Amino acid sequence: MEKNKNVPKLRFPEFKGEWEEKKLGEIAEKRILKNNNSHFKNVFTNSAVHGIINQRDFFDKDIANQDNINGYYIVEKDDFVYNPRISTSAPVGPISRNKFGTGVMSPLYSVFRFKKGNLDFIEWFFRTTYWHRHMEDIANYGARADRMSFAISDFYKMPVPDPVPKEQTKIATFLTAVDEKLTQLKKKKALLEKYKKGVMQKLFSQELRFKDDNNQDFPDWQELPLDKTADIVGGGTPDTSNELLWNGNIQWFTPTELKFKYVKFSNRNITDEGLKQSSAKLLPAGTVLFSSRATIGDASITLKECATNQGFQSFVVGDNLYNEYLYYWIINNKNVFLMKASGSTFLEISKNEVAKINIELPSLPEQQKIANFLSAIDEKISHCGKQIEKMEAWKKGLLQQIFC
């Protein structure tokens, strides 16, 4: 925003001058029509992440008592709804536009309808943080910590930008096009992930087979217990009260860090002494780290020597097993491990149970072809994910510069 002027930083060149600003109550009207006789049965909720959605779809069950929704507000298409519940995603509560049909919402929400303005433009404005300042100014911080509290009359004093209709339309059209591109990228990523899951099942069931470099069939697969193909190694935790055992040069992983195919950096490191004074073991680069407790079946490949805590039964592969093949086989057969797990506090699969599980083993050249094929799909998924991250950051920056 230019100094002392209501002018956005980023603007289409044909528009000049300051933006007019209106109070919410001047351009929108409060909606308080009650659901008499429980005429409408669709109960909506306003989620910080998903916006307005049917309550049953969001919670997988009815939260509201269907016999007692007379006092709920009727919400029609294109009404806007404010939810006073705060969260990390919505630090002052979300305002969302109803794009469904008619439904009802709890009277804890504030429902309002705009009398003028481009609704797409207004919806985009409420995706910015500019209106948060007003909510913070009017908030009563003596109220519940998880919910905003304020006088409703102050809520309707919220300043809302009101540029000329043509500029509103152009901004809304542009941002909607950006959002559609982002949606397409997310759909592409989801389709790639679905394809990968399906093709993995076909590859590991041998429904789909590769040929060798001479276009000949590979040998038949073997079936062997996991302990005949790899050394299975558990982990341990050095005494957390002894500083001499920590902050060394040996990476030390916990199961929550197994989020990607390769793990590069651990959150904590241990010393050589920490290794000696605990049940943690030094694992070579290329080890397939395997979570055997709580998040059973999560796996990653380590790129350098490391150790793990006791929530692992990791695989140091032998000569007849390619580590990337094992990684994908584990991902595809997660349920096999879960079926062997037990425990009351949390599920865990023991080293003995892991050792007895059979793995279908093609020849090494076929293992590598399978792993390379799946790795290529992973690279496409990763590239798509990076495009999404960049575009979401770009969109966030656009919103902060286009509005004022």
Protein backbone atom coordinates (compact mmCIF):
# COMPACT_ATOMS: atom_id res chain seq x y z
CA MET A 1 0.00 0.00 0.00
CA GLU A 2 1.29 3.45 -0.89
CA LYS A 3 1.95 5.68 2.09
CA ASN A 4 -1.27 7.21 3.49
CA LYS A 5 -3.23 6.01 0.47
CA ASN A 6 -5.75 3.18 0.02
CA VAL A 7 -3.98 1.91 -3.08
CA PRO A 8 -2.85 -1.72 -3.65
CA LYS A 9 0.81 -2.48 -4.40
CA LEU A 10 -0.07 -4.63 -7.42
CA ARG A 11 -2.69 -3.40 -9.83
CA PHE A 12 -3.95 -3.74 -13.39
CA PRO A 13 -2.63 -0.68 -15.28
CA GLU A 14 -6.00 0.62 -16.49
CA PHE A 15 -7.15 1.37 -12.93
CA LYS A 16 -6.01 4.43 -11.00
CA GLY A 17 -6.82 6.27 -7.80
CA GLU A 18 -7.61 5.16 -4.29
CA TRP A 19 -9.95 2.32 -3.43
CA GLU A 20 -13.17 3.27 -1.69
CA GLU A 21 -13.72 1.52 1.61
CA LYS A 22 -17.06 0.56 3.18
CA LYS A 23 -18.08 -0.83 6.51
CA LEU A 24 -19.36 -4.39 6.31
CA GLY A 25 -22.73 -3.30 7.66
CA GLU A 26 -23.13 -0.79 4.80
CA ILE A 27 -22.86 -3.37 2.02
CA ALA A 28 -24.05 -6.56 3.76
CA GLU A 29 -27.07 -7.48 5.83
CA LYS A 30 -27.24 -9.77 8.81
CA ARG A 31 -29.18 -13.02 8.22
CA ILE A 32 -31.03 -14.35 11.27
CA LEU A 33 -33.87 -16.35 9.72
CA LYS A 34 -34.51 -19.33 12.01
CA ASN A 35 -35.17 -22.88 10.86
CA ASN A 36 -38.76 -23.05 12.14
CA ASN A 37 -40.22 -26.57 12.54
CA SER A 38 -36.82 -27.97 11.47
CA HIS A 39 -37.85 -27.52 7.86
CA PHE A 40 -34.28 -27.79 6.55
CA LYS A 41 -32.28 -30.85 7.58
CA ASN A 42 -28.88 -30.19 5.96
CA VAL A 43 -26.60 -28.97 8.75
CA PHE A 44 -23.50 -27.10 7.55
CA THR A 45 -20.25 -26.32 9.33
CA ASN A 46 -17.60 -23.73 8.43
CA SER A 47 -14.18 -25.40 8.41
CA ALA A 48 -11.01 -23.30 8.43
CA VAL A 49 -9.49 -25.53 5.75
CA HIS A 50 -12.45 -26.72 3.68
CA GLY A 51 -14.84 -23.79 4.02
CA ILE A 52 -18.57 -24.44 4.29
CA ILE A 53 -19.30 -28.14 4.08
CA ASN A 54 -22.06 -30.51 5.08
CA GLN A 55 -21.56 -31.50 8.71
CA ARG A 56 -21.95 -35.22 7.97
CA ASP A 57 -19.26 -35.03 5.25
CA PHE A 58 -16.88 -33.21 7.60
CA PHE A 59 -17.36 -35.25 10.78
CA ASP A 60 -18.56 -38.54 9.18
CA LYS A 61 -21.59 -38.28 11.45
CA ASP A 62 -24.30 -35.86 12.55
CA ILE A 63 -23.11 -33.57 15.35
CA ALA A 64 -26.26 -31.50 15.66
CA ASN A 65 -29.40 -33.09 17.10
CA GLN A 66 -31.73 -33.38 14.11
CA ASP A 67 -34.72 -33.05 16.46
CA ASN A 68 -33.52 -29.73 17.85
CA ILE A 69 -32.31 -27.53 14.99
CA ASN A 70 -35.22 -25.08 15.09
CA GLY A 71 -32.95 -22.36 16.45
CA TYR A 72 -30.36 -22.79 13.72
CA TYR A 73 -29.91 -20.06 11.10
CA ILE A 74 -30.98 -20.73 7.53
CA VAL A 75 -28.03 -20.29 5.16
CA GLU A 76 -28.64 -19.89 1.46
CA LYS A 77 -26.30 -20.05 -1.50
CA ASP A 78 -23.86 -17.10 -1.65
CA ASP A 79 -24.42 -16.17 1.98
CA PHE A 80 -21.17 -15.59 3.91
CA VAL A 81 -20.57 -17.19 7.29
CA TYR A 82 -18.15 -16.28 10.06
CA ASN A 83 -17.03 -19.00 12.49
CA PRO A 84 -15.64 -17.53 15.75
CA ARG A 85 -13.61 -20.67 16.56
CA ILE A 86 -9.91 -19.97 16.14
CA SER A 87 -7.21 -22.37 14.96
CA THR A 88 -3.73 -22.38 13.46
CA SER A 89 -5.28 -22.17 9.98
CA ALA A 90 -7.68 -19.41 11.01
CA PRO A 91 -6.21 -17.34 13.87
CA VAL A 92 -9.28 -15.09 14.11
CA GLY A 93 -11.78 -17.63 12.76
CA PRO A 94 -12.70 -18.17 9.08
CA ILE A 95 -15.18 -16.33 6.89
CA SER A 96 -16.45 -18.53 4.04
CA ARG A 97 -18.95 -18.28 1.22
CA ASN A 98 -21.72 -20.86 0.93
CA LYS A 99 -21.51 -22.41 -2.53
CA PHE A 100 -23.99 -25.17 -1.77
CA GLY A 101 -27.76 -25.02 -1.58
CA THR A 102 -29.85 -24.11 1.41
CA GLY A 103 -28.93 -25.51 4.80
CA VAL A 104 -28.74 -24.52 8.44
CA MET A 105 -25.93 -23.55 10.79
CA SER A 106 -25.51 -23.17 14.52
CA PRO A 107 -26.41 -19.73 15.94
CA LEU A 108 -22.79 -19.55 17.15
CA TYR A 109 -21.98 -18.53 13.57
CA SER A 110 -22.64 -15.09 12.04
CA VAL A 111 -24.44 -15.20 8.70
CA PHE A 112 -24.57 -12.24 6.33
CA ARG A 113 -25.43 -11.49 2.70
CA PHE A 114 -23.91 -8.81 0.49
CA LYS A 115 -26.24 -6.27 -1.11
CA LYS A 116 -23.61 -5.09 -3.60
CA GLY A 117 -20.19 -6.02 -4.92
CA ASN A 118 -18.65 -8.88 -6.88
CA LEU A 119 -19.02 -11.93 -4.65
CA ASP A 120 -15.92 -13.61 -6.08
CA PHE A 121 -13.89 -10.49 -5.27
CA ILE A 122 -15.30 -10.38 -1.75
CA GLU A 123 -14.60 -14.07 -1.24
CA TRP A 124 -10.97 -13.51 -2.26
CA PHE A 125 -10.71 -10.58 0.17
CA PHE A 126 -11.70 -12.86 3.04
CA ARG A 127 -8.86 -15.22 2.07
CA THR A 128 -6.39 -12.46 2.93
CA THR A 129 -5.33 -11.45 6.43
CA TYR A 130 -6.21 -7.76 6.07
CA TRP A 131 -9.54 -8.15 7.85
CA HIS A 132 -7.81 -9.95 10.74
CA ARG A 133 -6.59 -6.61 12.11
CA HIS A 134 -10.16 -5.47 12.70
CA MET A 135 -11.04 -8.73 14.48
CA GLU A 136 -8.01 -8.44 16.73
CA ASP A 137 -8.93 -4.83 17.56
CA ILE A 138 -12.51 -5.68 18.62
CA ALA A 139 -11.73 -8.99 20.37
CA ASN A 140 -12.53 -9.49 24.02
CA TYR A 141 -9.51 -11.47 25.20
CA GLY A 142 -11.11 -12.27 28.52
CA ALA A 143 -13.31 -14.83 26.78
CA ARG A 144 -12.60 -18.45 25.84
CA ALA A 145 -9.14 -19.04 24.40
CA ASP A 146 -10.44 -21.13 21.50
CA ARG A 147 -13.12 -18.70 20.34
CA MET A 148 -13.26 -15.03 19.37
CA SER A 149 -15.58 -12.90 21.46
CA PHE A 150 -16.76 -9.43 20.45
CA ALA A 151 -19.82 -7.20 20.15
CA ILE A 152 -21.68 -8.05 16.95
CA SER A 153 -22.12 -4.33 16.26
CA ASP A 154 -18.32 -4.02 16.14
CA PHE A 155 -18.09 -6.96 13.72
CA TYR A 156 -20.22 -5.09 11.18
CA LYS A 157 -17.89 -2.08 11.39
CA MET A 158 -15.24 -4.14 9.61
CA PRO A 159 -13.68 -2.15 6.72
CA VAL A 160 -14.14 -3.87 3.34
CA PRO A 161 -12.49 -2.62 0.12
CA ASP A 162 -14.96 -1.45 -2.52
CA PRO A 163 -13.12 -0.58 -5.76
CA VAL A 164 -15.09 0.08 -8.96
CA PRO A 165 -17.06 -2.95 -10.25
CA LYS A 166 -14.83 -3.49 -13.31
CA GLU A 167 -11.71 -3.72 -11.15
CA GLN A 168 -13.42 -6.09 -8.74
CA THR A 169 -14.38 -8.35 -11.66
CA LYS A 170 -10.92 -8.31 -13.21
CA ILE A 171 -9.21 -9.14 -9.91
CA ALA A 172 -11.69 -11.94 -9.18
CA THR A 173 -11.33 -13.43 -12.69
CA PHE A 174 -7.54 -13.36 -12.49
CA LEU A 175 -7.32 -14.95 -9.03
CA THR A 176 -9.91 -17.58 -9.95
CA ALA A 177 -7.80 -18.53 -12.99
CA VAL A 178 -4.76 -18.90 -10.71
CA ASP A 179 -6.79 -21.07 -8.35
CA GLU A 180 -8.04 -23.26 -11.20
CA LYS A 181 -4.45 -23.84 -12.34
CA LEU A 182 -3.54 -24.80 -8.77
CA THR A 183 -6.52 -27.17 -8.62
CA GLN A 184 -5.41 -28.81 -11.87
CA LEU A 185 -1.93 -29.38 -10.47
CA LYS A 186 -3.38 -30.95 -7.32
CA LYS A 187 -5.58 -33.23 -9.41
CA LYS A 188 -2.57 -34.22 -11.51
CA LYS A 189 -0.61 -35.08 -8.37
CA ALA A 190 -3.53 -37.10 -6.98
CA LEU A 191 -3.86 -39.02 -10.27
CA LEU A 192 -0.13 -39.80 -10.30
CA GLU A 193 -0.34 -41.07 -6.72
CA LYS A 194 -3.34 -43.21 -7.61
CA TYR A 195 -1.53 -44.57 -10.69
CA LYS A 196 1.56 -45.38 -8.62
CA LYS A 197 -0.52 -47.29 -6.08
CA GLY A 198 -2.24 -49.31 -8.80
CA VAL A 199 0.91 -50.10 -10.76
CA MET A 200 2.76 -51.16 -7.58
CA GLN A 201 0.06 -53.72 -6.87
CA LYS A 202 0.38 -55.09 -10.40
CA LEU A 203 4.18 -55.19 -10.28
CA PHE A 204 4.43 -56.96 -6.92
CA SER A 205 1.66 -59.43 -7.79
CA GLN A 206 3.55 -60.18 -11.06
CA GLU A 207 0.51 -59.23 -13.09
CA LEU A 208 2.87 -56.79 -14.80
CA ARG A 209 6.39 -58.02 -15.66
CA PHE A 210 9.42 -56.44 -17.33
CA LYS A 211 11.63 -58.02 -19.98
CA ASP A 212 15.41 -58.07 -19.78
CA ASP A 213 17.61 -55.98 -22.10
CA ASN A 214 17.38 -58.72 -24.75
CA ASN A 215 13.58 -58.70 -24.56
CA GLN A 216 13.61 -62.06 -22.80
CA ASP A 217 11.64 -63.11 -19.73
CA PHE A 218 13.36 -62.72 -16.39
CA PRO A 219 13.71 -65.82 -14.15
CA ASP A 220 10.87 -66.88 -11.88
CA TRP A 221 10.62 -65.07 -8.56
CA GLN A 222 11.67 -66.62 -5.27
CA GLU A 223 9.88 -66.31 -1.96
CA LEU A 224 12.13 -65.91 1.07
CA PRO A 225 11.75 -64.79 4.71
CA LEU A 226 12.97 -61.23 5.21
CA ASP A 227 15.77 -62.36 7.52
CA LYS A 228 17.24 -64.40 4.63
CA THR A 229 17.58 -61.26 2.51
CA ALA A 230 18.67 -58.63 5.05
CA ASP A 231 20.02 -58.12 8.55
CA ILE A 232 17.21 -56.80 10.73
CA VAL A 233 18.47 -54.22 13.22
CA GLY A 234 16.61 -52.52 16.07
CA GLY A 235 17.44 -49.20 17.71
CA GLY A 236 17.69 -47.49 21.06
CA THR A 237 17.75 -44.17 22.88
CA PRO A 238 20.72 -42.90 24.89
CA ASP A 239 20.05 -41.41 28.32
CA THR A 240 18.39 -38.07 27.51
CA SER A 241 19.66 -36.54 30.77
CA ASN A 242 23.32 -37.12 29.84
CA GLU A 243 24.46 -34.31 27.55
CA LEU A 244 27.66 -36.19 26.67
CA LEU A 245 25.60 -38.70 24.70
CA TRP A 246 23.92 -36.09 22.49
CA ASN A 247 24.72 -33.43 19.87
CA GLY A 248 27.42 -35.54 18.23
CA ASN A 249 28.01 -36.43 14.58
CA ILE A 250 25.81 -39.53 14.30
CA GLN A 251 22.34 -38.92 12.87
CA TRP A 252 19.62 -40.43 15.07
CA PHE A 253 16.12 -40.89 13.66
CA THR A 254 12.64 -41.34 15.11
CA PRO A 255 9.69 -42.82 13.15
CA THR A 256 8.05 -39.41 12.69
CA GLU A 257 10.95 -38.41 10.43
CA LEU A 258 10.16 -41.07 7.81
CA LYS A 259 8.18 -38.78 5.51
CA PHE A 260 10.06 -39.22 2.24
CA LYS A 261 11.82 -41.94 0.28
CA TYR A 262 15.22 -40.71 1.47
CA VAL A 263 16.01 -39.23 4.87
CA LYS A 264 18.76 -36.63 4.72
CA PHE A 265 18.83 -34.83 8.04
CA SER A 266 17.77 -35.96 11.51
CA ASN A 267 16.30 -33.70 14.15
CA ARG A 268 18.81 -34.96 16.73
CA ASN A 269 22.32 -36.43 16.65
CA ILE A 270 24.11 -38.68 19.12
CA THR A 271 27.79 -39.14 19.98
CA ASP A 272 29.98 -42.24 19.73
CA GLU A 273 29.58 -42.56 23.49
CA GLY A 274 25.80 -42.39 23.09
CA LEU A 275 26.04 -45.28 20.66
CA LYS A 276 28.13 -47.32 23.12
CA GLN A 277 25.90 -46.65 26.11
CA SER A 278 22.58 -47.56 24.47
CA SER A 279 21.02 -50.27 22.33
CA ALA A 280 21.22 -48.00 19.27
CA LYS A 281 23.24 -49.50 16.40
CA LEU A 282 25.29 -47.81 13.69
CA LEU A 283 23.55 -48.43 10.35
CA PRO A 284 25.38 -48.07 7.02
CA ALA A 285 24.29 -45.76 4.21
CA GLY A 286 21.61 -47.46 2.10
CA THR A 287 19.85 -49.04 5.08
CA VAL A 288 16.07 -49.20 4.71
CA LEU A 289 14.72 -47.66 7.93
CA PHE A 290 11.47 -49.34 8.94
CA SER A 291 9.05 -48.10 11.60
CA SER A 292 7.93 -51.07 13.71
CA ARG A 293 5.98 -49.17 16.37
CA ALA A 294 2.80 -47.05 16.14
CA THR A 295 3.38 -45.84 12.55
CA ILE A 296 4.09 -49.39 11.40
CA GLY A 297 5.18 -49.73 7.79
CA ASP A 298 6.56 -46.25 7.27
CA ALA A 299 9.96 -46.53 5.57
CA SER A 300 12.83 -44.46 4.20
CA ILE A 301 16.34 -45.05 2.90
CA THR A 302 19.25 -43.41 4.71
CA LEU A 303 21.91 -41.68 2.63
CA LYS A 304 24.61 -41.83 5.30
CA GLU A 305 25.51 -43.72 8.44
CA CYS A 306 22.95 -43.26 11.19
CA ALA A 307 21.22 -44.78 14.20
CA THR A 308 17.56 -44.96 15.24
CA ASN A 309 15.47 -45.14 18.37
CA GLN A 310 13.75 -48.33 19.51
CA GLY A 311 10.74 -47.77 17.24
CA PHE A 312 12.59 -49.39 14.30
CA GLN A 313 13.44 -52.78 12.85
CA SER A 314 15.57 -51.64 9.94
CA PHE A 315 17.00 -53.62 7.02
CA VAL A 316 20.66 -53.79 6.03
CA VAL A 317 20.17 -55.53 2.68
CA GLY A 318 22.17 -58.50 1.47
CA ASP A 319 23.61 -59.27 -1.97
CA ASN A 320 20.31 -60.62 -3.33
CA LEU A 321 18.22 -57.57 -2.46
CA TYR A 322 18.17 -54.05 -3.93
CA ASN A 323 17.32 -51.51 -1.21
CA GLU A 324 14.98 -49.42 -3.39
CA TYR A 325 13.04 -52.55 -4.37
CA LEU A 326 12.65 -53.41 -0.68
CA TYR A 327 11.49 -49.86 0.08
CA TYR A 328 8.69 -50.03 -2.50
CA TRP A 329 7.79 -53.59 -1.50
CA ILE A 330 7.33 -52.41 2.10
CA ILE A 331 5.14 -49.50 1.03
CA ASN A 332 2.99 -51.84 -1.03
CA ASN A 333 2.73 -54.47 1.75
CA LYS A 334 2.14 -52.28 4.79
CA ASN A 335 -0.95 -54.29 5.74
CA VAL A 336 1.13 -57.49 5.97
CA PHE A 337 3.15 -55.92 8.78
CA LEU A 338 0.09 -54.45 10.48
CA MET A 339 -1.58 -57.87 10.62
CA LYS A 340 1.39 -59.23 12.57
CA ALA A 341 1.45 -56.33 15.05
CA SER A 342 0.12 -56.45 18.60
CA GLY A 343 -0.05 -54.27 21.71
CA SER A 344 -2.55 -52.53 23.98
CA THR A 345 -0.94 -49.10 24.41
CA PHE A 346 0.29 -48.94 20.82
CA LEU A 347 0.75 -51.47 18.03
CA GLU A 348 4.21 -52.92 17.56
CA ILE A 349 5.70 -55.67 15.42
CA SER A 350 8.63 -57.57 16.90
CA LYS A 351 11.89 -58.44 15.17
CA ASN A 352 10.92 -62.13 15.21
CA GLU A 353 7.61 -61.42 13.45
CA VAL A 354 9.29 -59.18 10.89
CA ALA A 355 11.89 -61.86 10.19
CA LYS A 356 9.24 -64.48 9.36
CA ILE A 357 7.41 -62.38 6.76
CA ASN A 358 8.07 -63.62 3.24
CA ILE A 359 9.16 -61.30 0.43
CA GLU A 360 8.65 -62.07 -3.26
CA LEU A 361 12.08 -61.71 -4.81
CA PRO A 362 12.81 -61.28 -8.53
CA SER A 363 16.35 -61.32 -9.88
CA LEU A 364 18.45 -58.25 -9.09
CA PRO A 365 18.16 -56.81 -12.64
CA GLU A 366 14.36 -57.07 -12.47
CA GLN A 367 14.34 -55.58 -8.97
CA GLN A 368 16.25 -52.59 -10.34
CA LYS A 369 13.85 -52.19 -13.27
CA ILE A 370 10.88 -52.20 -10.90
CA ALA A 371 12.53 -49.72 -8.55
CA ASN A 372 13.64 -47.42 -11.38
CA PHE A 373 10.14 -47.41 -12.87
CA LEU A 374 8.53 -46.49 -9.54
CA SER A 375 11.27 -43.93 -8.83
CA ALA A 376 10.44 -42.20 -12.13
CA ILE A 377 6.80 -41.90 -11.01
CA ASP A 378 7.96 -40.57 -7.64
CA GLU A 379 10.03 -37.91 -9.40
CA LYS A 380 6.95 -36.76 -11.32
CA ILE A 381 4.92 -36.65 -8.11
CA SER A 382 7.70 -34.70 -6.37
CA HIS A 383 7.98 -32.24 -9.27
CA CYS A 384 4.23 -31.71 -9.18
CA GLY A 385 4.37 -31.15 -5.42
CA LYS A 386 7.10 -28.53 -5.81
CA GLN A 387 5.04 -26.75 -8.48
CA ILE A 388 2.09 -26.69 -6.09
CA GLU A 389 4.22 -25.29 -3.25
CA LYS A 390 5.64 -22.54 -5.49
CA MET A 391 2.23 -21.64 -6.87
CA GLU A 392 0.62 -21.53 -3.42
CA ALA A 393 3.40 -19.21 -2.21
CA TRP A 394 2.97 -17.05 -5.33
CA LYS A 395 -0.80 -16.90 -4.81
CA LYS A 396 -0.33 -15.91 -1.17
CA GLY A 397 2.00 -13.11 -2.24
CA LEU A 398 -0.46 -11.96 -4.89
CA LEU A 399 -3.27 -11.71 -2.35
CA GLN A 400 -1.17 -9.56 -0.06
CA GLN A 401 -0.27 -7.19 -2.89
CA ILE A 402 -3.55 -7.06 -4.81
CA PHE A 403 -5.64 -6.14 -1.77
CA CYS A 404 -5.23 -3.28 0.61
